[in-house]
PDB file of N, CA and C in Angstrom:
ATOM      1  N   UNK A   1       0.803  -1.204   0.364  1.00  0.00           N
ATOM      2  CA  UNK A   1       0.032  -0.096  -0.331  1.00  0.00           C
ATOM      3  C   UNK A   1       1.047   1.285  -0.015  1.00  0.00           C
ATOM      4  N   UNK A   2       0.766   2.263  -0.806  1.00  0.00           N
ATOM      5  CA  UNK A   2       1.408   3.551  -0.860  1.00  0.00           C
ATOM      6  C   UNK A   2       0.669   4.685  -0.243  1.00  0.00           C
ATOM      7  N   UNK A   3       1.118   5.704   0.447  1.00  0.00           N
ATOM      8  CA  UNK A   3       0.651   6.604   0.648  1.00  0.00           C
ATOM      9  C   UNK A   3       0.758   7.829  -0.648  1.00  0.00           C
ATOM     10  N   UNK A   4      -0.546   8.784   0.084  1.00  0.00           N
ATOM     11  CA  UNK A   4      -0.626   9.795  -1.116  1.00  0.00           C
ATOM     12  C   UNK A   4       0.326  11.154  -0.461  1.00  0.00           C
ATOM     13  N   UNK A   5       0.767  11.055   0.648  1.00  0.00           N
ATOM     14  CA  UNK A   5       1.743  11.832   1.059  1.00  0.00           C
ATOM     15  C   UNK A   5       3.219  11.510   0.943  1.00  0.00           C
ATOM     16  N   UNK A   6       4.348  12.645   0.908  1.00  0.00           N
ATOM     17  CA  UNK A   6       5.220  12.399   1.132  1.00  0.00           C
ATOM     18  C   UNK A   6       5.785  12.270   2.850  1.00  0.00           C
ATOM     19  N   UNK A   7       6.953  12.044   2.891  1.00  0.00           N
ATOM     20  CA  UNK A   7       7.439  11.897   4.086  1.00  0.00           C
ATOM     21  C   UNK A   7       8.631  12.585   4.041  1.00  0.00           C
ATOM     22  N   UNK A   8       8.998  13.131   5.098  1.00  0.00           N
ATOM     23  CA  UNK A   8      10.501  14.029   5.189  1.00  0.00           C
ATOM     24  C   UNK A   8      11.469  12.899   5.577  1.00  0.00           C
ATOM     25  N   UNK A   9      12.230  12.642   5.110  1.00  0.00           N
ATOM     26  CA  UNK A   9      13.648  11.608   5.196  1.00  0.00           C
ATOM     27  C   UNK A   9      14.857  11.941   5.672  1.00  0.00           C
ATOM     28  N   UNK A  10      15.161  13.425   5.326  1.00  0.00           N
ATOM     29  CA  UNK A  10      16.272  14.452   5.956  1.00  0.00           C
ATOM     30  C   UNK A  10      15.855  15.848   6.289  1.00  0.00           C
ATOM     31  N   UNK A  11      16.654  16.378   6.758  1.00  0.00           N
ATOM     32  CA  UNK A  11      16.591  18.134   6.722  1.00  0.00           C
ATOM     33  C   UNK A  11      18.196  18.307   6.426  1.00  0.00           C
ATOM     34  N   UNK A  12      18.393  19.248   4.922  1.00  0.00           N
ATOM     35  CA  UNK A  12      19.961  19.088   4.443  1.00  0.00           C
ATOM     36  C   UNK A  12      20.160  20.494   5.071  1.00  0.00           C
ATOM     37  N   UNK A  13      21.159  20.906   5.268  1.00  0.00           N
ATOM     38  CA  UNK A  13      21.710  22.321   5.819  1.00  0.00           C
ATOM     39  C   UNK A  13      22.730  22.505   4.573  1.00  0.00           C
ATOM     40  N   UNK A  14      22.475  23.835   4.340  1.00  0.00           N
ATOM     41  CA  UNK A  14      23.630  24.218   3.452  1.00  0.00           C
ATOM     42  C   UNK A  14      24.944  24.700   4.335  1.00  0.00           C
ATOM     43  N   UNK A  15      26.230  24.579   3.747  1.00  0.00           N
ATOM     44  CA  UNK A  15      27.277  24.587   4.723  1.00  0.00           C
ATOM     45  C   UNK A  15      28.293  25.035   3.957  1.00  0.00           C
ATOM     46  N   UNK A  16      29.498  25.207   4.503  1.00  0.00           N
ATOM     47  CA  UNK A  16      31.002  25.110   3.763  1.00  0.00           C
ATOM     48  C   UNK A  16      31.618  24.106   4.511  1.00  0.00           C
ATOM     49  N   UNK A  17      31.424  23.468   5.562  1.00  0.00           N
ATOM     50  CA  UNK A  17      32.036  22.555   5.865  1.00  0.00           C
ATOM     51  C   UNK A  17      31.238  21.066   6.265  1.00  0.00           C
ATOM     52  N   UNK A  18      30.610  20.232   5.324  1.00  0.00           N
ATOM     53  CA  UNK A  18      30.027  19.043   5.763  1.00  0.00           C
ATOM     54  C   UNK A  18      30.396  18.255   7.092  1.00  0.00           C
ATOM     55  N   UNK A  19      31.658  17.969   7.187  1.00  0.00           N
ATOM     56  CA  UNK A  19      32.083  17.455   8.492  1.00  0.00           C
ATOM     57  C   UNK A  19      32.311  18.035   9.412  1.00  0.00           C
ATOM     58  N   UNK A  20      32.594  19.397   9.847  1.00  0.00           N
ATOM     59  CA  UNK A  20      32.591  20.008  11.112  1.00  0.00           C
ATOM     60  C   UNK A  20      31.165  19.996  11.157  1.00  0.00           C
ATOM     61  N   UNK A  21      29.987  20.248  10.564  1.00  0.00           N
ATOM     62  CA  UNK A  21      28.570  20.781  11.346  1.00  0.00           C
ATOM     63  C   UNK A  21      27.834  19.392  11.279  1.00  0.00           C
ATOM     64  N   UNK A  22      28.778  18.056  10.905  1.00  0.00           N
ATOM     65  CA  UNK A  22      27.976  17.015  10.986  1.00  0.00           C
ATOM     66  C   UNK A  22      28.428  16.407  12.555  1.00  0.00           C
ATOM     67  N   UNK A  23      29.869  16.936  12.507  1.00  0.00           N
ATOM     68  CA  UNK A  23      30.447  16.648  14.321  1.00  0.00           C
ATOM     69  C   UNK A  23      29.694  17.197  15.239  1.00  0.00           C
ATOM     70  N   UNK A  24      29.540  18.908  14.830  1.00  0.00           N
ATOM     71  CA  UNK A  24      28.741  19.573  15.939  1.00  0.00           C
ATOM     72  C   UNK A  24      27.037  19.179  15.818  1.00  0.00           C
ATOM     73  N   UNK A  25      26.202  18.859  15.190  1.00  0.00           N
ATOM     74  CA  UNK A  25      25.249  18.428  15.052  1.00  0.00           C
ATOM     75  C   UNK A  25      25.216  17.025  15.795  1.00  0.00           C
ATOM     76  N   UNK A  26      25.894  16.354  15.677  1.00  0.00           N
ATOM     77  CA  UNK A  26      25.846  14.833  15.819  1.00  0.00           C
ATOM     78  C   UNK A  26      26.003  14.915  17.701  1.00  0.00           C
ATOM     79  N   UNK A  27      26.705  15.709  17.915  1.00  0.00           N
ATOM     80  CA  UNK A  27      26.593  15.806  19.504  1.00  0.00           C
ATOM     81  C   UNK A  27      25.415  16.749  20.484  1.00  0.00           C
ATOM     82  N   UNK A  28      24.642  17.407  19.360  1.00  0.00           N
ATOM     83  CA  UNK A  28      23.449  17.958  19.837  1.00  0.00           C
ATOM     84  C   UNK A  28      22.310  16.857  19.853  1.00  0.00           C
ATOM     85  N   UNK A  29      21.976  16.365  18.766  1.00  0.00           N
ATOM     86  CA  UNK A  29      20.958  15.552  18.796  1.00  0.00           C
ATOM     87  C   UNK A  29      21.003  13.882  18.118  1.00  0.00           C
ATOM     88  N   UNK A  30      22.311  13.511  18.990  1.00  0.00           N
ATOM     89  CA  UNK A  30      22.847  12.245  18.384  1.00  0.00           C
ATOM     90  C   UNK A  30      22.570  11.361  17.682  1.00  0.00           C
ATOM     91  N   UNK A  31      23.601  12.106  16.592  1.00  0.00           N
ATOM     92  CA  UNK A  31      23.292  11.334  15.656  1.00  0.00           C
ATOM     93  C   UNK A  31      24.754  10.720  14.986  1.00  0.00           C
ATOM     94  N   UNK A  32      24.905   9.765  13.779  1.00  0.00           N
ATOM     95  CA  UNK A  32      26.386   9.491  13.695  1.00  0.00           C
ATOM     96  C   UNK A  32      26.560   9.534  11.962  1.00  0.00           C
ATOM     97  N   UNK A  33      27.790   9.708  11.326  1.00  0.00           N
ATOM     98  CA  UNK A  33      27.459   9.647   9.955  1.00  0.00           C
ATOM     99  C   UNK A  33      26.956   8.251   9.203  1.00  0.00           C
ATOM    100  N   UNK A  34      26.188   8.085   8.454  1.00  0.00           N
ATOM    101  CA  UNK A  34      25.402   7.041   8.126  1.00  0.00           C
ATOM    102  C   UNK A  34      25.997   6.979   6.686  1.00  0.00           C
ATOM    103  N   UNK A  35      26.674   8.135   5.887  1.00  0.00           N
ATOM    104  CA  UNK A  35      27.162   8.019   4.428  1.00  0.00           C
ATOM    105  C   UNK A  35      27.743   9.452   4.520  1.00  0.00           C
ATOM    106  N   UNK A  36      28.704   9.356   3.360  1.00  0.00           N
ATOM    107  CA  UNK A  36      29.160  10.534   2.894  1.00  0.00           C
ATOM    108  C   UNK A  36      29.507  10.320   1.715  1.00  0.00           C
ATOM    109  N   UNK A  37      30.017  11.431   0.667  1.00  0.00           N
ATOM    110  CA  UNK A  37      30.489  11.238  -0.404  1.00  0.00           C
ATOM    111  C   UNK A  37      30.770  12.721  -0.596  1.00  0.00           C
ATOM    112  N   UNK A  38      31.459  12.995  -1.812  1.00  0.00           N
ATOM    113  CA  UNK A  38      32.306  14.314  -2.065  1.00  0.00           C
ATOM    114  C   UNK A  38      31.271  15.805  -1.770  1.00  0.00           C
ATOM    115  N   UNK A  39      31.339  16.460  -0.989  1.00  0.00           N
ATOM    116  CA  UNK A  39      30.764  17.534  -0.738  1.00  0.00           C
ATOM    117  C   UNK A  39      29.136  17.499   0.266  1.00  0.00           C
ATOM    118  N   UNK A  40      28.873  15.798   0.702  1.00  0.00           N
ATOM    119  CA  UNK A  40      27.872  15.335   1.054  1.00  0.00           C
ATOM    120  C   UNK A  40      28.053  14.893   2.419  1.00  0.00           C
ATOM    121  N   UNK A  41      27.301  14.946   3.368  1.00  0.00           N
ATOM    122  CA  UNK A  41      27.603  13.845   4.744  1.00  0.00           C
ATOM    123  C   UNK A  41      25.882  13.737   5.233  1.00  0.00           C
ATOM    124  N   UNK A  42      25.837  12.401   5.370  1.00  0.00           N
ATOM    125  CA  UNK A  42      24.051  12.343   5.932  1.00  0.00           C
ATOM    126  C   UNK A  42      24.189  11.701   7.169  1.00  0.00           C
ATOM    127  N   UNK A  43      23.512  11.628   7.864  1.00  0.00           N
ATOM    128  CA  UNK A  43      23.820  11.120   9.064  1.00  0.00           C
ATOM    129  C   UNK A  43      22.636  10.123   9.538  1.00  0.00           C
ATOM    130  N   UNK A  44      22.532   9.319  10.545  1.00  0.00           N
ATOM    131  CA  UNK A  44      22.020   8.364  11.043  1.00  0.00           C
ATOM    132  C   UNK A  44      20.236   9.262  11.077  1.00  0.00           C
ATOM    133  N   UNK A  45      19.212   8.304  11.480  1.00  0.00           N
ATOM    134  CA  UNK A  45      18.092   8.777  11.813  1.00  0.00           C
ATOM    135  C   UNK A  45      18.010   9.242  13.498  1.00  0.00           C
ATOM    136  N   UNK A  46      17.316  10.634  13.560  1.00  0.00           N
ATOM    137  CA  UNK A  46      17.595  11.144  15.138  1.00  0.00           C
ATOM    138  C   UNK A  46      16.760  10.103  16.079  1.00  0.00           C
ATOM    139  N   UNK A  47      17.388   9.560  17.053  1.00  0.00           N
ATOM    140  CA  UNK A  47      16.505   8.878  18.431  1.00  0.00           C
ATOM    141  C   UNK A  47      15.135   9.566  18.351  1.00  0.00           C
ATOM    142  N   UNK A  48      14.120   8.526  18.132  1.00  0.00           N
ATOM    143  CA  UNK A  48      12.585   8.885  18.256  1.00  0.00           C
ATOM    144  C   UNK A  48      11.694   9.309  16.988  1.00  0.00           C
ATOM    145  N   UNK A  49      12.601   9.167  16.185  1.00  0.00           N
ATOM    146  CA  UNK A  49      12.010   9.754  14.740  1.00  0.00           C
ATOM    147  C   UNK A  49      12.563   8.972  13.689  1.00  0.00           C
ATOM    148  N   UNK A  50      11.882   9.501  12.563  1.00  0.00           N
ATOM    149  CA  UNK A  50      12.872   8.848  11.189  1.00  0.00           C
ATOM    150  C   UNK A  50      13.234   9.886  10.022  1.00  0.00           C
ATOM    151  N   UNK A  51      13.885  10.980  10.941  1.00  0.00           N
ATOM    152  CA  UNK A  51      14.479  11.904  10.252  1.00  0.00           C
ATOM    153  C   UNK A  51      15.703  12.178  10.272  1.00  0.00           C
ATOM    154  N   UNK A  52      16.549  12.013   9.403  1.00  0.00           N
ATOM    155  CA  UNK A  52      18.274  12.452   9.561  1.00  0.00           C
ATOM    156  C   UNK A  52      18.716  14.037   9.153  1.00  0.00           C
ATOM    157  N   UNK A  53      19.657  13.950   9.407  1.00  0.00           N
ATOM    158  CA  UNK A  53      20.304  15.594   8.930  1.00  0.00           C
ATOM    159  C   UNK A  53      21.214  15.132   7.657  1.00  0.00           C
ATOM    160  N   UNK A  54      21.484  15.940   7.181  1.00  0.00           N
ATOM    161  CA  UNK A  54      21.956  16.234   5.921  1.00  0.00           C
ATOM    162  C   UNK A  54      22.625  17.185   5.487  1.00  0.00           C
ATOM    163  N   UNK A  55      23.947  17.350   5.427  1.00  0.00           N
ATOM    164  CA  UNK A  55      24.864  18.404   4.844  1.00  0.00           C
ATOM    165  C   UNK A  55      25.353  18.794   3.732  1.00  0.00           C
ATOM    166  N   UNK A  56      25.287  19.727   3.214  1.00  0.00           N
ATOM    167  CA  UNK A  56      25.426  20.047   2.133  1.00  0.00           C
ATOM    168  C   UNK A  56      26.440  20.986   1.848  1.00  0.00           C
ATOM    169  N   UNK A  57      27.676  20.732   1.142  1.00  0.00           N
ATOM    170  CA  UNK A  57      28.795  22.050   0.547  1.00  0.00           C
ATOM    171  C   UNK A  57      28.201  22.973  -0.402  1.00  0.00           C
ATOM    172  N   UNK A  58      28.212  24.166  -0.148  1.00  0.00           N
ATOM    173  CA  UNK A  58      27.926  25.345  -0.695  1.00  0.00           C
ATOM    174  C   UNK A  58      29.009  26.562  -0.786  1.00  0.00           C
ATOM    175  N   UNK A  59      28.996  27.181  -2.012  1.00  0.00           N
ATOM    176  CA  UNK A  59      30.045  27.816  -2.227  1.00  0.00           C
ATOM    177  C   UNK A  59      29.664  28.994  -1.633  1.00  0.00           C
ATOM    178  N   UNK A  60      28.544  29.747  -1.264  1.00  0.00           N
ATOM    179  CA  UNK A  60      28.077  31.052  -0.947  1.00  0.00           C
ATOM    180  C   UNK A  60      27.926  31.209   0.689  1.00  0.00           C
ATOM    181  N   UNK A  61      28.107  32.188   0.983  1.00  0.00           N
ATOM    182  CA  UNK A  61      27.795  32.479   2.358  1.00  0.00           C
ATOM    183  C   UNK A  61      26.519  32.475   2.799  1.00  0.00           C
ATOM    184  N   UNK A  62      26.135  32.332   4.170  1.00  0.00           N
ATOM    185  CA  UNK A  62      25.011  32.547   4.592  1.00  0.00           C
ATOM    186  C   UNK A  62      24.774  34.111   5.057  1.00  0.00           C
ATOM    187  N   UNK A  63      23.959  34.515   4.427  1.00  0.00           N
ATOM    188  CA  UNK A  63      23.698  36.296   4.616  1.00  0.00           C
ATOM    189  C   UNK A  63      22.848  36.648   5.071  1.00  0.00           C
ATOM    190  N   UNK A  64      21.263  36.080   5.423  1.00  0.00           N
ATOM    191  CA  UNK A  64      20.256  36.328   5.944  1.00  0.00           C
ATOM    192  C   UNK A  64      19.933  35.100   6.757  1.00  0.00           C
ATOM    193  N   UNK A  65      18.608  35.414   7.713  1.00  0.00           N
ATOM    194  CA  UNK A  65      17.830  34.569   8.553  1.00  0.00           C
ATOM    195  C   UNK A  65      17.195  33.615   7.680  1.00  0.00           C
ATOM    196  N   UNK A  66      17.696  32.057   8.386  1.00  0.00           N
ATOM    197  CA  UNK A  66      16.903  31.012   7.933  1.00  0.00           C
ATOM    198  C   UNK A  66      15.516  31.190   7.286  1.00  0.00           C
ATOM    199  N   UNK A  67      14.926  30.982   6.826  1.00  0.00           N
ATOM    200  CA  UNK A  67      13.612  30.878   6.435  1.00  0.00           C
ATOM    201  C   UNK A  67      12.928  29.553   7.000  1.00  0.00           C
ATOM    202  N   UNK A  68      13.600  28.599   7.350  1.00  0.00           N
ATOM    203  CA  UNK A  68      13.032  27.410   8.043  1.00  0.00           C
ATOM    204  C   UNK A  68      14.247  26.743   8.856  1.00  0.00           C
ATOM    205  N   UNK A  69      13.604  26.629  10.495  1.00  0.00           N
ATOM    206  CA  UNK A  69      14.797  26.006  11.381  1.00  0.00           C
ATOM    207  C   UNK A  69      14.416  25.016  12.330  1.00  0.00           C
ATOM    208  N   UNK A  70      15.205  24.319  12.916  1.00  0.00           N
ATOM    209  CA  UNK A  70      14.788  23.453  14.141  1.00  0.00           C
ATOM    210  C   UNK A  70      14.579  24.093  15.340  1.00  0.00           C
ATOM    211  N   UNK A  71      13.449  23.533  16.007  1.00  0.00           N
ATOM    212  CA  UNK A  71      13.087  23.551  17.223  1.00  0.00           C
ATOM    213  C   UNK A  71      13.459  22.372  17.968  1.00  0.00           C
ATOM    214  N   UNK A  72      14.577  22.163  18.989  1.00  0.00           N
ATOM    215  CA  UNK A  72      15.028  21.344  19.651  1.00  0.00           C
ATOM    216  C   UNK A  72      14.461  21.533  21.434  1.00  0.00           C
ATOM    217  N   UNK A  73      14.055  20.499  21.859  1.00  0.00           N
ATOM    218  CA  UNK A  73      13.687  20.236  22.986  1.00  0.00           C
ATOM    219  C   UNK A  73      14.657  19.474  24.036  1.00  0.00           C
ATOM    220  N   UNK A  74      14.839  19.745  25.479  1.00  0.00           N
ATOM    221  CA  UNK A  74      15.995  19.127  26.026  1.00  0.00           C
ATOM    222  C   UNK A  74      15.199  19.442  27.402  1.00  0.00           C
ATOM    223  N   UNK A  75      15.569  18.279  28.470  1.00  0.00           N
ATOM    224  CA  UNK A  75      14.840  18.255  29.859  1.00  0.00           C
ATOM    225  C   UNK A  75      15.539  19.287  30.701  1.00  0.00           C
ATOM    226  N   UNK A  76      16.994  19.423  30.037  1.00  0.00           N
ATOM    227  CA  UNK A  76      17.551  21.041  31.123  1.00  0.00           C
ATOM    228  C   UNK A  76      18.301  21.997  29.874  1.00  0.00           C
ATOM    229  N   UNK A  77      17.436  22.829  29.334  1.00  0.00           N
ATOM    230  CA  UNK A  77      17.543  23.792  28.423  1.00  0.00           C
ATOM    231  C   UNK A  77      18.903  24.505  28.777  1.00  0.00           C
ATOM    232  N   UNK A  78      19.327  24.875  30.002  1.00  0.00           N
ATOM    233  CA  UNK A  78      20.440  25.850  30.292  1.00  0.00           C
ATOM    234  C   UNK A  78      21.489  24.610  29.900  1.00  0.00           C
ATOM    235  N   UNK A  79      21.321  23.509  30.438  1.00  0.00           N
ATOM    236  CA  UNK A  79      22.771  22.357  29.953  1.00  0.00           C
ATOM    237  C   UNK A  79      22.772  22.054  28.465  1.00  0.00           C
ATOM    238  N   UNK A  80      21.862  22.450  27.867  1.00  0.00           N
ATOM    239  CA  UNK A  80      22.066  21.857  26.433  1.00  0.00           C
ATOM    240  C   UNK A  80      22.620  23.127  26.081  1.00  0.00           C
ATOM    241  N   UNK A  81      22.438  24.431  26.243  1.00  0.00           N
ATOM    242  CA  UNK A  81      22.641  25.703  25.518  1.00  0.00           C
ATOM    243  C   UNK A  81      24.219  25.692  25.979  1.00  0.00           C
ATOM    244  N   UNK A  82      24.429  25.619  27.127  1.00  0.00           N
ATOM    245  CA  UNK A  82      26.002  25.307  27.487  1.00  0.00           C
ATOM    246  C   UNK A  82      26.512  24.361  26.722  1.00  0.00           C
ATOM    247  N   UNK A  83      26.180  23.131  26.539  1.00  0.00           N
ATOM    248  CA  UNK A  83      27.261  22.685  25.364  1.00  0.00           C
ATOM    249  C   UNK A  83      26.917  22.868  24.192  1.00  0.00           C
ATOM    250  N   UNK A  84      26.122  23.748  23.686  1.00  0.00           N
ATOM    251  CA  UNK A  84      26.237  23.954  22.225  1.00  0.00           C
ATOM    252  C   UNK A  84      27.312  25.119  22.298  1.00  0.00           C
ATOM    253  N   UNK A  85      27.402  25.968  23.412  1.00  0.00           N
ATOM    254  CA  UNK A  85      28.190  27.122  23.364  1.00  0.00           C
ATOM    255  C   UNK A  85      29.511  26.498  22.968  1.00  0.00           C
ATOM    256  N   UNK A  86      29.845  25.440  23.878  1.00  0.00           N
ATOM    257  CA  UNK A  86      31.167  24.834  23.920  1.00  0.00           C
ATOM    258  C   UNK A  86      31.848  24.125  22.872  1.00  0.00           C
ATOM    259  N   UNK A  87      30.612  23.849  22.103  1.00  0.00           N
ATOM    260  CA  UNK A  87      30.676  23.274  20.786  1.00  0.00           C
ATOM    261  C   UNK A  87      31.032  24.064  19.690  1.00  0.00           C
ATOM    262  N   UNK A  88      31.046  25.575  19.828  1.00  0.00           N
ATOM    263  CA  UNK A  88      31.121  26.636  18.735  1.00  0.00           C
ATOM    264  C   UNK A  88      30.038  26.827  18.452  1.00  0.00           C
ATOM    265  N   UNK A  89      28.628  26.616  18.857  1.00  0.00           N
ATOM    266  CA  UNK A  89      27.409  27.247  18.440  1.00  0.00           C
ATOM    267  C   UNK A  89      27.391  29.121  19.421  1.00  0.00           C
ATOM    268  N   UNK A  90      26.242  29.807  19.067  1.00  0.00           N
ATOM    269  CA  UNK A  90      26.453  30.875  20.051  1.00  0.00           C
ATOM    270  C   UNK A  90      24.887  30.800  20.283  1.00  0.00           C
ATOM    271  N   UNK A  91      24.806  31.878  21.273  1.00  0.00           N
ATOM    272  CA  UNK A  91      23.137  32.104  21.856  1.00  0.00           C
ATOM    273  C   UNK A  91      23.165  33.321  21.382  1.00  0.00           C
ATOM    274  N   UNK A  92      21.754  33.892  20.301  1.00  0.00           N
ATOM    275  CA  UNK A  92      21.757  35.118  19.909  1.00  0.00           C
ATOM    276  C   UNK A  92      20.674  35.724  21.070  1.00  0.00           C
ATOM    277  N   UNK A  93      19.469  35.078  21.113  1.00  0.00           N
ATOM    278  CA  UNK A  93      18.597  35.842  21.899  1.00  0.00           C
ATOM    279  C   UNK A  93      17.507  35.091  22.754  1.00  0.00           C
ATOM    280  N   UNK A  94      17.058  35.650  24.171  1.00  0.00           N
ATOM    281  CA  UNK A  94      15.560  34.283  24.633  1.00  0.00           C
ATOM    282  C   UNK A  94      14.690  35.402  24.402  1.00  0.00           C
ATOM    283  N   UNK A  95      13.635  34.616  24.027  1.00  0.00           N
ATOM    284  CA  UNK A  95      12.211  34.772  24.363  1.00  0.00           C
ATOM    285  C   UNK A  95      11.466  34.350  25.558  1.00  0.00           C
ATOM    286  N   UNK A  96      10.473  34.970  25.948  1.00  0.00           N
ATOM    287  CA  UNK A  96       9.452  34.383  26.768  1.00  0.00           C
ATOM    288  C   UNK A  96       7.933  35.037  26.555  1.00  0.00           C
ATOM    289  N   UNK A  97       6.923  34.093  25.956  1.00  0.00           N
ATOM    290  CA  UNK A  97       5.715  34.436  25.784  1.00  0.00           C
ATOM    291  C   UNK A  97       4.689  33.728  26.352  1.00  0.00           C
ATOM    292  N   UNK A  98       4.034  34.330  27.558  1.00  0.00           N
ATOM    293  CA  UNK A  98       3.121  33.680  27.887  1.00  0.00           C
ATOM    294  C   UNK A  98       3.174  31.877  28.426  1.00  0.00           C
ATOM    295  N   UNK A  99       4.243  31.896  28.978  1.00  0.00           N
ATOM    296  CA  UNK A  99       4.772  30.657  29.788  1.00  0.00           C
ATOM    297  C   UNK A  99       5.574  29.970  28.613  1.00  0.00           C
ATOM    298  N   UNK A 100       5.352  29.948  27.226  1.00  0.00           N
ATOM    299  CA  UNK A 100       6.340  29.345  26.456  1.00  0.00           C
ATOM    300  C   UNK A 100       7.490  30.290  26.127  1.00  0.00           C
ATOM    301  N   UNK A 101       8.968  29.294  26.257  1.00  0.00           N
ATOM    302  CA  UNK A 101       9.919  30.221  26.025  1.00  0.00           C
ATOM    303  C   UNK A 101      10.722  29.448  25.219  1.00  0.00           C
ATOM    304  N   UNK A 102      11.790  30.450  24.521  1.00  0.00           N
ATOM    305  CA  UNK A 102      12.787  29.827  23.781  1.00  0.00           C
ATOM    306  C   UNK A 102      14.191  30.581  23.479  1.00  0.00           C
ATOM    307  N   UNK A 103      15.295  29.873  23.100  1.00  0.00           N
ATOM    308  CA  UNK A 103      16.448  30.261  23.174  1.00  0.00           C
ATOM    309  C   UNK A 103      16.902  30.229  21.420  1.00  0.00           C
ATOM    310  N   UNK A 104      17.238  31.368  20.656  1.00  0.00           N
ATOM    311  CA  UNK A 104      17.538  31.298  19.827  1.00  0.00           C
ATOM    312  C   UNK A 104      18.945  31.335  19.446  1.00  0.00           C
ATOM    313  N   UNK A 105      19.382  30.052  18.769  1.00  0.00           N
ATOM    314  CA  UNK A 105      21.019  29.831  18.933  1.00  0.00           C
ATOM    315  C   UNK A 105      21.553  29.617  17.428  1.00  0.00           C
ATOM    316  N   UNK A 106      22.717  29.630  17.113  1.00  0.00           N
ATOM    317  CA  UNK A 106      23.091  28.998  15.820  1.00  0.00           C
ATOM    318  C   UNK A 106      24.332  27.998  16.046  1.00  0.00           C
ATOM    319  N   UNK A 107      24.386  27.165  14.995  1.00  0.00           N
ATOM    320  CA  UNK A 107      25.420  26.657  14.951  1.00  0.00           C
ATOM    321  C   UNK A 107      26.737  27.372  14.305  1.00  0.00           C
ATOM    322  N   UNK A 108      27.779  26.720  14.423  1.00  0.00           N
ATOM    323  CA  UNK A 108      29.313  27.380  14.039  1.00  0.00           C
ATOM    324  C   UNK A 108      29.242  28.014  12.661  1.00  0.00           C
ATOM    325  N   UNK A 109      28.293  27.605  11.772  1.00  0.00           N
ATOM    326  CA  UNK A 109      28.085  28.179  10.592  1.00  0.00           C
ATOM    327  C   UNK A 109      27.178  29.267  10.371  1.00  0.00           C
ATOM    328  N   UNK A 110      26.592  29.809  11.456  1.00  0.00           N
ATOM    329  CA  UNK A 110      25.808  31.053  11.771  1.00  0.00           C
ATOM    330  C   UNK A 110      24.049  30.159  11.218  1.00  0.00           C
ATOM    331  N   UNK A 111      23.819  29.090  10.948  1.00  0.00           N
ATOM    332  CA  UNK A 111      22.401  28.434  11.098  1.00  0.00           C
ATOM    333  C   UNK A 111      21.310  28.557  12.037  1.00  0.00           C
ATOM    334  N   UNK A 112      20.413  29.542  12.299  1.00  0.00           N
ATOM    335  CA  UNK A 112      19.627  29.631  13.337  1.00  0.00           C
ATOM    336  C   UNK A 112      19.081  28.094  13.747  1.00  0.00           C
ATOM    337  N   UNK A 113      18.863  27.896  15.218  1.00  0.00           N
ATOM    338  CA  UNK A 113      17.815  26.915  15.416  1.00  0.00           C
ATOM    339  C   UNK A 113      17.505  27.648  16.640  1.00  0.00           C
ATOM    340  N   UNK A 114      16.145  27.221  17.198  1.00  0.00           N
ATOM    341  CA  UNK A 114      15.570  27.245  18.505  1.00  0.00           C
ATOM    342  C   UNK A 114      15.960  26.114  19.622  1.00  0.00           C
ATOM    343  N   UNK A 115      16.491  26.379  21.276  1.00  0.00           N
ATOM    344  CA  UNK A 115      16.014  25.461  22.291  1.00  0.00           C
ATOM    345  C   UNK A 115      15.049  25.799  22.829  1.00  0.00           C
ATOM    346  N   UNK A 116      13.731  25.443  22.745  1.00  0.00           N
ATOM    347  CA  UNK A 116      12.247  25.447  23.560  1.00  0.00           C
ATOM    348  C   UNK A 116      12.549  24.828  24.540  1.00  0.00           C
ATOM    349  N   UNK A 117      11.863  25.631  25.561  1.00  0.00           N
ATOM    350  CA  UNK A 117      11.596  24.998  26.974  1.00  0.00           C
ATOM    351  C   UNK A 117      10.001  25.007  27.444  1.00  0.00           C
ATOM    352  N   UNK A 118       9.246  24.102  27.007  1.00  0.00           N
ATOM    353  CA  UNK A 118       7.359  24.105  27.137  1.00  0.00           C
ATOM    354  C   UNK A 118       7.196  22.830  27.505  1.00  0.00           C
TER     355      UNK A 118
END
């Protein structure tokens, strides 16, 4: 039986250094390299779902805010934020709105993502 709907199999992240970003994200979301070929690195699926990350080497620099980003949860948001910063990520801004809070972060190449605490 086939489905009429497509399924997300990977989230592709454009970058200058696929190997370095794979190492960073692997430490954050518990994935490892599944396969690689020139200019690309694909991760194993993230625990708890069927989606992997993929990193694609591109020549251009990131110049504007991402139009799509990941929202990540962790039982101890402060601990994962500290880990991200230790691994080369950066904290941009903290938001609190009606009991829902999040911190905007960037990976080492400037791609934004959020740590949510709700």
